[in-house]
C-alpha atoms as a PDB file:
ATOM      1  CA  UNK A   1      -4.685 -15.636  -3.697  1.00  0.00           C
ATOM      2  CA  UNK A   2      -7.119 -12.209  -2.322  1.00  0.00           C
ATOM      3  CA  UNK A   3      -7.089  -9.948  -4.032  1.00  0.00           C
ATOM      4  CA  UNK A   4      -7.481  -5.267  -3.339  1.00  0.00           C
ATOM      5  CA  UNK A   5      -8.671  -2.669  -5.784  1.00  0.00           C
ATOM      6  CA  UNK A   6      -7.465   0.910  -5.695  1.00  0.00           C
ATOM      7  CA  UNK A   7      -9.796   3.265  -4.288  1.00  0.00           C
ATOM      8  CA  UNK A   8     -11.663   6.280  -7.247  1.00  0.00           C
ATOM      9  CA  UNK A   9     -11.381   9.006  -4.281  1.00  0.00           C
ATOM     10  CA  UNK A  10      -8.346  10.682  -6.243  1.00  0.00           C
ATOM     11  CA  UNK A  11     -10.475  11.693  -8.939  1.00  0.00           C
ATOM     12  CA  UNK A  12     -10.837  15.223  -8.119  1.00  0.00           C
ATOM     13  CA  UNK A  13     -11.608  15.646 -12.116  1.00  0.00           C
ATOM     14  CA  UNK A  14     -15.562  14.584 -11.351  1.00  0.00           C
ATOM     15  CA  UNK A  15     -16.177  15.398  -7.626  1.00  0.00           C
ATOM     16  CA  UNK A  16     -19.839  14.983  -8.108  1.00  0.00           C
ATOM     17  CA  UNK A  17     -18.653  10.788  -8.756  1.00  0.00           C
ATOM     18  CA  UNK A  18     -16.172   9.948  -5.676  1.00  0.00           C
ATOM     19  CA  UNK A  19     -15.375  13.265  -3.470  1.00  0.00           C
ATOM     20  CA  UNK A  20     -18.282  13.064  -0.939  1.00  0.00           C
ATOM     21  CA  UNK A  21     -19.181  10.194   1.270  1.00  0.00           C
ATOM     22  CA  UNK A  22     -22.101   9.037  -0.229  1.00  0.00           C
ATOM     23  CA  UNK A  23     -19.175   7.736  -3.019  1.00  0.00           C
ATOM     24  CA  UNK A  24     -16.800   5.522  -0.501  1.00  0.00           C
ATOM     25  CA  UNK A  25     -20.232   4.266   0.852  1.00  0.00           C
ATOM     26  CA  UNK A  26     -21.505   2.933  -2.029  1.00  0.00           C
ATOM     27  CA  UNK A  27     -18.218   1.738  -3.331  1.00  0.00           C
ATOM     28  CA  UNK A  28     -17.488  -0.018  -0.175  1.00  0.00           C
ATOM     29  CA  UNK A  29     -20.459  -1.702  -0.274  1.00  0.00           C
ATOM     30  CA  UNK A  30     -20.002  -3.164  -3.687  1.00  0.00           C
ATOM     31  CA  UNK A  31     -16.167  -4.097  -3.456  1.00  0.00           C
ATOM     32  CA  UNK A  32     -17.376  -6.346  -0.111  1.00  0.00           C
ATOM     33  CA  UNK A  33     -20.594  -7.716  -2.058  1.00  0.00           C
ATOM     34  CA  UNK A  34     -18.135  -8.097  -5.410  1.00  0.00           C
ATOM     35  CA  UNK A  35     -15.494 -10.385  -2.977  1.00  0.00           C
ATOM     36  CA  UNK A  36     -12.345  -7.654  -3.296  1.00  0.00           C
ATOM     37  CA  UNK A  37      -9.916  -8.140   0.105  1.00  0.00           C
ATOM     38  CA  UNK A  38      -9.020  -4.930   0.698  1.00  0.00           C
ATOM     39  CA  UNK A  39      -8.939  -1.253  -0.514  1.00  0.00           C
ATOM     40  CA  UNK A  40      -5.530   0.557  -1.327  1.00  0.00           C
ATOM     41  CA  UNK A  41      -4.839   4.323  -0.966  1.00  0.00           C
ATOM     42  CA  UNK A  42      -1.781   5.825  -2.304  1.00  0.00           C
ATOM     43  CA  UNK A  43      -0.022   9.736  -0.362  1.00  0.00           C
ATOM     44  CA  UNK A  44       0.793  12.145  -2.100  1.00  0.00           C
ATOM     45  CA  UNK A  45      -0.229  15.808   0.501  1.00  0.00           C
ATOM     46  CA  UNK A  46       2.250  18.277  -1.221  1.00  0.00           C
ATOM     47  CA  UNK A  47       3.169  16.882  -5.312  1.00  0.00           C
ATOM     48  CA  UNK A  48       4.882  19.393  -7.587  1.00  0.00           C
ATOM     49  CA  UNK A  49       2.698  21.101 -10.493  1.00  0.00           C
ATOM     50  CA  UNK A  50       4.972  19.809 -12.721  1.00  0.00           C
ATOM     51  CA  UNK A  51       4.859  16.475 -11.418  1.00  0.00           C
ATOM     52  CA  UNK A  52       1.071  16.770 -12.115  1.00  0.00           C
ATOM     53  CA  UNK A  53       0.917  17.673 -15.391  1.00  0.00           C
ATOM     54  CA  UNK A  54       3.838  15.154 -15.992  1.00  0.00           C
ATOM     55  CA  UNK A  55       0.846  12.138 -15.866  1.00  0.00           C
ATOM     56  CA  UNK A  56       1.497  11.911 -11.733  1.00  0.00           C
ATOM     57  CA  UNK A  57      -2.737  11.782  -9.963  1.00  0.00           C
ATOM     58  CA  UNK A  58      -3.895  13.455  -7.010  1.00  0.00           C
ATOM     59  CA  UNK A  59      -4.118  11.849  -3.340  1.00  0.00           C
ATOM     60  CA  UNK A  60      -6.482  12.199  -0.589  1.00  0.00           C
ATOM     61  CA  UNK A  61      -5.781  12.063   3.043  1.00  0.00           C
ATOM     62  CA  UNK A  62      -4.920   8.059   3.800  1.00  0.00           C
ATOM     63  CA  UNK A  63      -6.119   7.995   7.090  1.00  0.00           C
ATOM     64  CA  UNK A  64      -9.112   9.788   6.227  1.00  0.00           C
ATOM     65  CA  UNK A  65     -10.307   8.332   3.364  1.00  0.00           C
ATOM     66  CA  UNK A  66      -9.691   4.370   5.131  1.00  0.00           C
ATOM     67  CA  UNK A  67     -11.278   5.919   8.499  1.00  0.00           C
ATOM     68  CA  UNK A  68     -14.993   7.105   6.411  1.00  0.00           C
ATOM     69  CA  UNK A  69     -14.022   3.479   4.440  1.00  0.00           C
ATOM     70  CA  UNK A  70     -14.049   1.651   7.666  1.00  0.00           C
ATOM     71  CA  UNK A  71     -17.149   2.800   8.324  1.00  0.00           C
ATOM     72  CA  UNK A  72     -19.034   2.115   5.254  1.00  0.00           C
ATOM     73  CA  UNK A  73     -17.512  -1.163   5.699  1.00  0.00           C
ATOM     74  CA  UNK A  74     -16.793  -5.050   7.561  1.00  0.00           C
ATOM     75  CA  UNK A  75     -14.687  -7.305   6.380  1.00  0.00           C
ATOM     76  CA  UNK A  76     -12.682  -5.239   3.528  1.00  0.00           C
ATOM     77  CA  UNK A  77      -8.988  -4.785   4.457  1.00  0.00           C
ATOM     78  CA  UNK A  78      -7.876  -1.419   4.874  1.00  0.00           C
ATOM     79  CA  UNK A  79      -4.799  -0.800   3.189  1.00  0.00           C
ATOM     80  CA  UNK A  80      -2.352   2.279   2.543  1.00  0.00           C
ATOM     81  CA  UNK A  81      -0.432   1.617  -0.952  1.00  0.00           C
ATOM     82  CA  UNK A  82       1.497   3.310  -0.225  1.00  0.00           C
ATOM     83  CA  UNK A  83       2.389   5.152   2.816  1.00  0.00           C
ATOM     84  CA  UNK A  84       5.260   7.494   1.709  1.00  0.00           C
ATOM     85  CA  UNK A  85       6.701   6.807   5.622  1.00  0.00           C
ATOM     86  CA  UNK A  86      10.101   9.533   5.677  1.00  0.00           C
ATOM     87  CA  UNK A  87       7.369  12.593   5.303  1.00  0.00           C
ATOM     88  CA  UNK A  88       5.599  12.035   9.074  1.00  0.00           C
ATOM     89  CA  UNK A  89       6.676  11.683  12.158  1.00  0.00           C
ATOM     90  CA  UNK A  90       6.448   8.206  13.075  1.00  0.00           C
ATOM     91  CA  UNK A  91       4.983   8.248  16.089  1.00  0.00           C
ATOM     92  CA  UNK A  92       1.814  10.629  14.656  1.00  0.00           C
ATOM     93  CA  UNK A  93       1.524   7.776  11.974  1.00  0.00           C
ATOM     94  CA  UNK A  94       1.982   5.191  14.927  1.00  0.00           C
ATOM     95  CA  UNK A  95      -0.985   7.210  16.475  1.00  0.00           C
ATOM     96  CA  UNK A  96      -3.567   7.444  13.090  1.00  0.00           C
ATOM     97  CA  UNK A  97      -2.517   3.902  12.799  1.00  0.00           C
ATOM     98  CA  UNK A  98      -2.941   1.869  16.334  1.00  0.00           C
ATOM     99  CA  UNK A  99      -6.993   4.364  16.037  1.00  0.00           C
ATOM    100  CA  UNK A 100      -7.434   3.679  12.683  1.00  0.00           C
ATOM    101  CA  UNK A 101      -7.143  -0.056  13.282  1.00  0.00           C
ATOM    102  CA  UNK A 102      -8.812  -0.270  16.809  1.00  0.00           C
ATOM    103  CA  UNK A 103     -12.006   1.864  15.462  1.00  0.00           C
ATOM    104  CA  UNK A 104     -12.054  -0.832  13.106  1.00  0.00           C
ATOM    105  CA  UNK A 105     -11.671  -4.147  14.835  1.00  0.00           C
ATOM    106  CA  UNK A 106      -8.112  -4.739  13.524  1.00  0.00           C
ATOM    107  CA  UNK A 107      -8.505  -4.624   9.935  1.00  0.00           C
ATOM    108  CA  UNK A 108      -5.581  -2.081   8.333  1.00  0.00           C
ATOM    109  CA  UNK A 109      -2.781  -3.258   6.574  1.00  0.00           C
ATOM    110  CA  UNK A 110       0.471  -0.391   6.543  1.00  0.00           C
ATOM    111  CA  UNK A 111       1.831  -0.463   3.122  1.00  0.00           C
ATOM    112  CA  UNK A 112       4.795   1.732   3.205  1.00  0.00           C
ATOM    113  CA  UNK A 113       7.313   2.724   0.695  1.00  0.00           C
ATOM    114  CA  UNK A 114      10.114   5.279   0.831  1.00  0.00           C
ATOM    115  CA  UNK A 115       8.890   7.434  -1.904  1.00  0.00           C
ATOM    116  CA  UNK A 116      10.927   9.351  -4.796  1.00  0.00           C
ATOM    117  CA  UNK A 117       9.579  12.555  -5.328  1.00  0.00           C
ATOM    118  CA  UNK A 118      12.053  14.994  -4.671  1.00  0.00           C
ATOM    119  CA  UNK A 119      10.073  18.041  -4.813  1.00  0.00           C
ATOM    120  CA  UNK A 120       7.139  16.895  -2.096  1.00  0.00           C
ATOM    121  CA  UNK A 121       9.599  15.800   0.114  1.00  0.00           C
ATOM    122  CA  UNK A 122      11.393  20.214  -0.179  1.00  0.00           C
ATOM    123  CA  UNK A 123       8.275  20.857   0.555  1.00  0.00           C
ATOM    124  CA  UNK A 124       7.634  18.430   3.467  1.00  0.00           C
ATOM    125  CA  UNK A 125      11.035  19.636   4.917  1.00  0.00           C
ATOM    126  CA  UNK A 126      12.570  15.897   4.558  1.00  0.00           C
ATOM    127  CA  UNK A 127      15.491  15.420   3.557  1.00  0.00           C
ATOM    128  CA  UNK A 128      15.250  13.017   0.302  1.00  0.00           C
ATOM    129  CA  UNK A 129      19.039  11.948   0.036  1.00  0.00           C
ATOM    130  CA  UNK A 130      18.083  10.648   3.579  1.00  0.00           C
ATOM    131  CA  UNK A 131      15.833   8.705   3.117  1.00  0.00           C
ATOM    132  CA  UNK A 132      16.351   5.019   3.087  1.00  0.00           C
ATOM    133  CA  UNK A 133      17.511   5.462   6.427  1.00  0.00           C
ATOM    134  CA  UNK A 134      15.082   7.049   7.877  1.00  0.00           C
ATOM    135  CA  UNK A 135      12.386   5.077   6.775  1.00  0.00           C
ATOM    136  CA  UNK A 136      14.335   2.697   8.297  1.00  0.00           C
ATOM    137  CA  UNK A 137      14.613   3.912  11.446  1.00  0.00           C
ATOM    138  CA  UNK A 138      10.676   5.148  11.739  1.00  0.00           C
ATOM    139  CA  UNK A 139      10.000   1.477  11.009  1.00  0.00           C
ATOM    140  CA  UNK A 140      11.899   0.485  14.166  1.00  0.00           C
ATOM    141  CA  UNK A 141      10.832   3.783  15.784  1.00  0.00           C
ATOM    142  CA  UNK A 142       7.168   2.768  14.838  1.00  0.00           C
ATOM    143  CA  UNK A 143       7.539  -1.692  16.076  1.00  0.00           C
ATOM    144  CA  UNK A 144       8.258   0.199  19.625  1.00  0.00           C
ATOM    145  CA  UNK A 145       5.540   2.335  20.036  1.00  0.00           C
ATOM    146  CA  UNK A 146       3.026  -0.225  19.586  1.00  0.00           C
ATOM    147  CA  UNK A 147       4.399  -3.242  21.122  1.00  0.00           C
ATOM    148  CA  UNK A 148       4.715  -1.668  24.998  1.00  0.00           C
ATOM    149  CA  UNK A 149       1.861   0.429  26.851  1.00  0.00           C
ATOM    150  CA  UNK A 150       5.304   2.364  27.880  1.00  0.00           C
ATOM    151  CA  UNK A 151       8.023   3.011  25.537  1.00  0.00           C
ATOM    152  CA  UNK A 152      11.531   4.915  24.679  1.00  0.00           C
ATOM    153  CA  UNK A 153      13.074   5.038  21.527  1.00  0.00           C
ATOM    154  CA  UNK A 154      16.447   7.874  20.522  1.00  0.00           C
ATOM    155  CA  UNK A 155      16.311   9.052  17.253  1.00  0.00           C
ATOM    156  CA  UNK A 156      17.738  11.146  14.543  1.00  0.00           C
ATOM    157  CA  UNK A 157      16.736  14.120  16.093  1.00  0.00           C
ATOM    158  CA  UNK A 158      13.676  13.412  17.963  1.00  0.00           C
ATOM    159  CA  UNK A 159      13.691  11.064  21.190  1.00  0.00           C
ATOM    160  CA  UNK A 160      10.634   8.937  22.786  1.00  0.00           C
ATOM    161  CA  UNK A 161      11.570   8.969  27.058  1.00  0.00           C
ATOM    162  CA  UNK A 162       8.646   6.799  29.051  1.00  0.00           C
ATOM    163  CA  UNK A 163       5.774   7.381  26.142  1.00  0.00           C
ATOM    164  CA  UNK A 164       2.766   5.824  25.337  1.00  0.00           C
ATOM    165  CA  UNK A 165       0.617   5.565  22.316  1.00  0.00           C
ATOM    166  CA  UNK A 166      -2.575   4.091  24.054  1.00  0.00           C
ATOM    167  CA  UNK A 167      -4.737   1.615  23.266  1.00  0.00           C
ATOM    168  CA  UNK A 168      -2.511  -0.415  20.682  1.00  0.00           C
ATOM    169  CA  UNK A 169      -3.920  -2.091  17.432  1.00  0.00           C
ATOM    170  CA  UNK A 170      -6.015  -5.137  17.921  1.00  0.00           C
ATOM    171  CA  UNK A 171      -3.995  -6.362  15.280  1.00  0.00           C
ATOM    172  CA  UNK A 172      -0.876  -8.277  17.561  1.00  0.00           C
ATOM    173  CA  UNK A 173       2.405  -6.968  17.645  1.00  0.00           C
ATOM    174  CA  UNK A 174       1.237  -4.563  15.366  1.00  0.00           C
ATOM    175  CA  UNK A 175      -0.997  -4.420  11.669  1.00  0.00           C
ATOM    176  CA  UNK A 176       0.756  -6.493   8.916  1.00  0.00           C
ATOM    177  CA  UNK A 177       3.971  -4.352   7.778  1.00  0.00           C
ATOM    178  CA  UNK A 178       3.799  -4.270   3.925  1.00  0.00           C
ATOM    179  CA  UNK A 179       7.408  -3.148   2.662  1.00  0.00           C
ATOM    180  CA  UNK A 180       6.571  -1.110  -0.666  1.00  0.00           C
ATOM    181  CA  UNK A 181       9.428  -1.209  -4.128  1.00  0.00           C
ATOM    182  CA  UNK A 182      11.337  -2.964  -6.358  1.00  0.00           C
ATOM    183  CA  UNK A 183      15.133  -2.235  -5.932  1.00  0.00           C
ATOM    184  CA  UNK A 184      17.091  -4.745  -3.522  1.00  0.00           C
ATOM    185  CA  UNK A 185      17.061  -2.117  -0.888  1.00  0.00           C
ATOM    186  CA  UNK A 186      13.314  -2.639  -0.414  1.00  0.00           C
ATOM    187  CA  UNK A 187      13.981  -6.359  -1.088  1.00  0.00           C
ATOM    188  CA  UNK A 188      16.160  -6.651   2.590  1.00  0.00           C
ATOM    189  CA  UNK A 189      13.895  -4.293   4.373  1.00  0.00           C
ATOM    190  CA  UNK A 190      10.731  -6.310   3.947  1.00  0.00           C
ATOM    191  CA  UNK A 191      13.425  -9.476   5.048  1.00  0.00           C
ATOM    192  CA  UNK A 192      14.964  -7.187   7.806  1.00  0.00           C
ATOM    193  CA  UNK A 193      11.544  -5.159   9.358  1.00  0.00           C
ATOM    194  CA  UNK A 194       8.719  -6.158   7.126  1.00  0.00           C
ATOM    195  CA  UNK A 195       5.869  -8.771   6.983  1.00  0.00           C
ATOM    196  CA  UNK A 196       5.888  -8.575   3.405  1.00  0.00           C
ATOM    197  CA  UNK A 197       7.276  -7.264   0.768  1.00  0.00           C
ATOM    198  CA  UNK A 198       4.664  -5.278  -2.302  1.00  0.00           C
ATOM    199  CA  UNK A 199       6.557  -4.912  -5.137  1.00  0.00           C
ATOM    200  CA  UNK A 200       5.172  -3.708  -8.039  1.00  0.00           C
ATOM    201  CA  UNK A 201       4.719  -4.618 -11.914  1.00  0.00           C
ATOM    202  CA  UNK A 202       5.769  -1.457 -14.063  1.00  0.00           C
ATOM    203  CA  UNK A 203       6.558  -0.436 -17.825  1.00  0.00           C
ATOM    204  CA  UNK A 204       9.863   0.314 -17.982  1.00  0.00           C
ATOM    205  CA  UNK A 205       8.357   4.367 -18.727  1.00  0.00           C
ATOM    206  CA  UNK A 206       6.901   3.972 -15.764  1.00  0.00           C
ATOM    207  CA  UNK A 207      10.163   2.844 -14.274  1.00  0.00           C
ATOM    208  CA  UNK A 208      12.224   5.510 -14.643  1.00  0.00           C
ATOM    209  CA  UNK A 209       9.241   8.832 -14.244  1.00  0.00           C
ATOM    210  CA  UNK A 210       8.662   7.221 -10.744  1.00  0.00           C
ATOM    211  CA  UNK A 211      12.539   5.962  -9.676  1.00  0.00           C
ATOM    212  CA  UNK A 212      11.163   2.333  -9.265  1.00  0.00           C
ATOM    213  CA  UNK A 213      13.475  -0.019  -9.904  1.00  0.00           C
ATOM    214  CA  UNK A 214      12.399  -1.975 -13.157  1.00  0.00           C
ATOM    215  CA  UNK A 215       9.881  -5.474 -12.881  1.00  0.00           C
ATOM    216  CA  UNK A 216       8.056  -5.248 -15.899  1.00  0.00           C
ATOM    217  CA  UNK A 217       6.667  -9.519 -15.933  1.00  0.00           C
ATOM    218  CA  UNK A 218       6.986 -12.323 -14.021  1.00  0.00           C
ATOM    219  CA  UNK A 219      10.446 -13.117 -15.163  1.00  0.00           C
ATOM    220  CA  UNK A 220      11.667 -10.070 -12.772  1.00  0.00           C
ATOM    221  CA  UNK A 221       9.465 -10.705 -10.141  1.00  0.00           C
ATOM    222  CA  UNK A 222      11.126 -14.559 -10.035  1.00  0.00           C
ATOM    223  CA  UNK A 223      14.368 -12.364  -9.225  1.00  0.00           C
ATOM    224  CA  UNK A 224      13.298 -10.233  -6.913  1.00  0.00           C
ATOM    225  CA  UNK A 225      11.940 -13.526  -4.688  1.00  0.00           C
ATOM    226  CA  UNK A 226      15.029 -15.431  -5.390  1.00  0.00           C
ATOM    227  CA  UNK A 227      17.091 -12.733  -3.574  1.00  0.00           C
ATOM    228  CA  UNK A 228      15.059 -12.261  -0.779  1.00  0.00           C
ATOM    229  CA  UNK A 229      15.421 -15.709  -0.422  1.00  0.00           C
ATOM    230  CA  UNK A 230      18.601 -16.016  -0.391  1.00  0.00           C
ATOM    231  CA  UNK A 231      18.641 -12.177   2.251  1.00  0.00           C
ATOM    232  CA  UNK A 232      16.719 -14.699   4.368  1.00  0.00           C
ATOM    233  CA  UNK A 233      19.203 -17.477   4.459  1.00  0.00           C
ATOM    234  CA  UNK A 234      21.928 -14.530   5.066  1.00  0.00           C
ATOM    235  CA  UNK A 235      19.926 -12.994   7.954  1.00  0.00           C
ATOM    236  CA  UNK A 236      18.462 -15.653   9.420  1.00  0.00           C
ATOM    237  CA  UNK A 237      14.601 -14.870   8.378  1.00  0.00           C
ATOM    238  CA  UNK A 238      13.265 -19.258   8.705  1.00  0.00           C
ATOM    239  CA  UNK A 239      10.082 -17.922   7.049  1.00  0.00           C
ATOM    240  CA  UNK A 240       9.731 -15.219   4.169  1.00  0.00           C
ATOM    241  CA  UNK A 241       7.844 -12.400   3.953  1.00  0.00           C
ATOM    242  CA  UNK A 242       4.743 -12.590   1.910  1.00  0.00           C
ATOM    243  CA  UNK A 243       4.419 -11.219  -1.217  1.00  0.00           C
ATOM    244  CA  UNK A 244       1.149  -8.948  -1.999  1.00  0.00           C
ATOM    245  CA  UNK A 245       2.271  -7.553  -6.037  1.00  0.00           C
ATOM    246  CA  UNK A 246       0.746  -4.159  -6.633  1.00  0.00           C
ATOM    247  CA  UNK A 247      -1.549  -3.602  -9.628  1.00  0.00           C
ATOM    248  CA  UNK A 248      -1.501  -6.863 -12.458  1.00  0.00           C
ATOM    249  CA  UNK A 249      -3.221  -4.449 -14.759  1.00  0.00           C
ATOM    250  CA  UNK A 250      -2.897  -0.533 -15.557  1.00  0.00           C
ATOM    251  CA  UNK A 251      -4.899   2.013 -15.187  1.00  0.00           C
ATOM    252  CA  UNK A 252      -6.593   3.004 -18.861  1.00  0.00           C
ATOM    253  CA  UNK A 253      -5.664  -0.723 -20.103  1.00  0.00           C
ATOM    254  CA  UNK A 254      -8.266  -2.781 -21.429  1.00  0.00           C
ATOM    255  CA  UNK A 255      -8.785  -5.894 -19.400  1.00  0.00           C
ATOM    256  CA  UNK A 256      -9.030  -9.489 -20.853  1.00  0.00           C
ATOM    257  CA  UNK A 257     -10.689 -12.011 -18.273  1.00  0.00           C
ATOM    258  CA  UNK A 258      -8.967 -14.704 -19.607  1.00  0.00           C
ATOM    259  CA  UNK A 259      -5.812 -13.094 -19.814  1.00  0.00           C
ATOM    260  CA  UNK A 260      -5.769 -11.780 -15.946  1.00  0.00           C
ATOM    261  CA  UNK A 261      -6.860 -15.581 -14.466  1.00  0.00           C
ATOM    262  CA  UNK A 262      -3.115 -16.598 -16.680  1.00  0.00           C
ATOM    263  CA  UNK A 263      -1.145 -13.790 -14.939  1.00  0.00           C
ATOM    264  CA  UNK A 264      -2.324 -14.353 -11.864  1.00  0.00           C
ATOM    265  CA  UNK A 265      -2.201 -17.974 -11.810  1.00  0.00           C
ATOM    266  CA  UNK A 266       1.592 -17.948 -12.958  1.00  0.00           C
ATOM    267  CA  UNK A 267       2.269 -15.489 -10.084  1.00  0.00           C
ATOM    268  CA  UNK A 268       0.686 -17.764  -7.229  1.00  0.00           C
ATOM    269  CA  UNK A 269       2.953 -20.590  -8.909  1.00  0.00           C
ATOM    270  CA  UNK A 270       6.002 -17.675  -7.720  1.00  0.00           C
ATOM    271  CA  UNK A 271       3.724 -17.980  -4.069  1.00  0.00           C
ATOM    272  CA  UNK A 272       2.717 -14.574  -4.457  1.00  0.00           C
ATOM    273  CA  UNK A 273      -0.960 -14.361  -2.113  1.00  0.00           C
ATOM    274  CA  UNK A 274      -1.879 -11.485  -2.675  1.00  0.00           C
ATOM    275  CA  UNK A 275      -2.654  -8.901  -6.157  1.00  0.00           C
ATOM    276  CA  UNK A 276      -3.986  -5.165  -7.209  1.00  0.00           C
ATOM    277  CA  UNK A 277      -6.731  -4.244  -9.298  1.00  0.00           C
ATOM    278  CA  UNK A 278      -7.048  -1.540 -11.070  1.00  0.00           C
ATOM    279  CA  UNK A 279     -10.574  -0.615 -11.656  1.00  0.00           C
ATOM    280  CA  UNK A 280     -11.480   1.795 -14.811  1.00  0.00           C
ATOM    281  CA  UNK A 281     -14.858   4.778 -14.800  1.00  0.00           C
ATOM    282  CA  UNK A 282     -15.429   8.470 -14.945  1.00  0.00           C
ATOM    283  CA  UNK A 283     -18.380   7.968 -13.011  1.00  0.00           C
ATOM    284  CA  UNK A 284     -18.785   5.678 -10.310  1.00  0.00           C
ATOM    285  CA  UNK A 285     -21.992   4.379 -11.549  1.00  0.00           C
ATOM    286  CA  UNK A 286     -19.615   3.094 -14.683  1.00  0.00           C
ATOM    287  CA  UNK A 287     -16.611   2.541 -11.731  1.00  0.00           C
ATOM    288  CA  UNK A 288     -19.181  -0.082 -10.092  1.00  0.00           C
ATOM    289  CA  UNK A 289     -20.304  -1.455 -12.430  1.00  0.00           C
ATOM    290  CA  UNK A 290     -16.381  -2.629 -13.747  1.00  0.00           C
ATOM    291  CA  UNK A 291     -15.724  -3.878  -9.716  1.00  0.00           C
ATOM    292  CA  UNK A 292     -19.007  -6.047 -10.377  1.00  0.00           C
ATOM    293  CA  UNK A 293     -17.486  -7.160 -13.467  1.00  0.00           C
ATOM    294  CA  UNK A 294     -13.554  -7.488 -11.701  1.00  0.00           C
ATOM    295  CA  UNK A 295     -15.123  -9.719  -9.323  1.00  0.00           C
ATOM    296  CA  UNK A 296     -17.541 -12.248 -11.695  1.00  0.00           C
ATOM    297  CA  UNK A 297     -15.041 -12.361 -13.490  1.00  0.00           C
ATOM    298  CA  UNK A 298     -12.108 -12.851 -11.817  1.00  0.00           C
ATOM    299  CA  UNK A 299     -12.475 -12.780  -8.408  1.00  0.00           C
ATOM    300  CA  UNK A 300     -15.221 -15.932  -8.537  1.00  0.00           C
ATOM    301  CA  UNK A 301     -12.781 -17.446 -10.645  1.00  0.00           C
ATOM    302  CA  UNK A 302      -9.466 -17.388  -8.929  1.00  0.00           C
ATOM    303  CA  UNK A 303      -8.994 -19.873  -6.622  1.00  0.00           C
END
């Protein structure tokens, strides 16, 4: 079982603590020492004030932060958790991912989702109602770009006629594609186009706010896994996608090591290979201390 962690660089309330390169260097060192598998970044390039005031959060540019983290570490996986794929031209994303994978020596993990913020879609000029169709098309376009030295692809409103994105990613045929979301459509997408399914354990309130299908416990997760395996049989996929679960604890939630170990063990029995952790801390020292504690009390004791 591998454990990732959401990085704290979206915390703009304490810029002196988290918003400078030295913070990335220190936190990267702590995470590698504590035994975390990867660091996750979120993606909200232009959120609405209404969403932010209602409990949302800012997000730094994911590829800038992951590039800084790549420079500060040697083995930590660099994961988008998640990148809202329809926001960007797929070949711009493919170029960024290939560059980061090459310069990090093959450490990129690409978590992807269709997103849910209508106001952000409007600000970026992307059709919110077609976000699922766009996402499927963009996944296919990026695969075309990564798997040939010169590629052709006909998209909706864009086309590549013998274009090149070189060097290709170190990881072949491309970095792992984690398909985020709890809906059945997201599960089908993971089976048909992804390497892993990335569900999120959420409260009913969070599900309502994010328009994400509810998945409140291991029983809900087991139901999603059963549906995923059924769809694998339906489309003829022999090896089901990996299961990479989002954070097993929520922000500002007091956690008990034994309870978390039991929760992680139940997920492992279901076939989950990786889970996410949320670390709290209003200062960098507090955040790092909590990360070290998580490493000692949980990561070191997970089989």
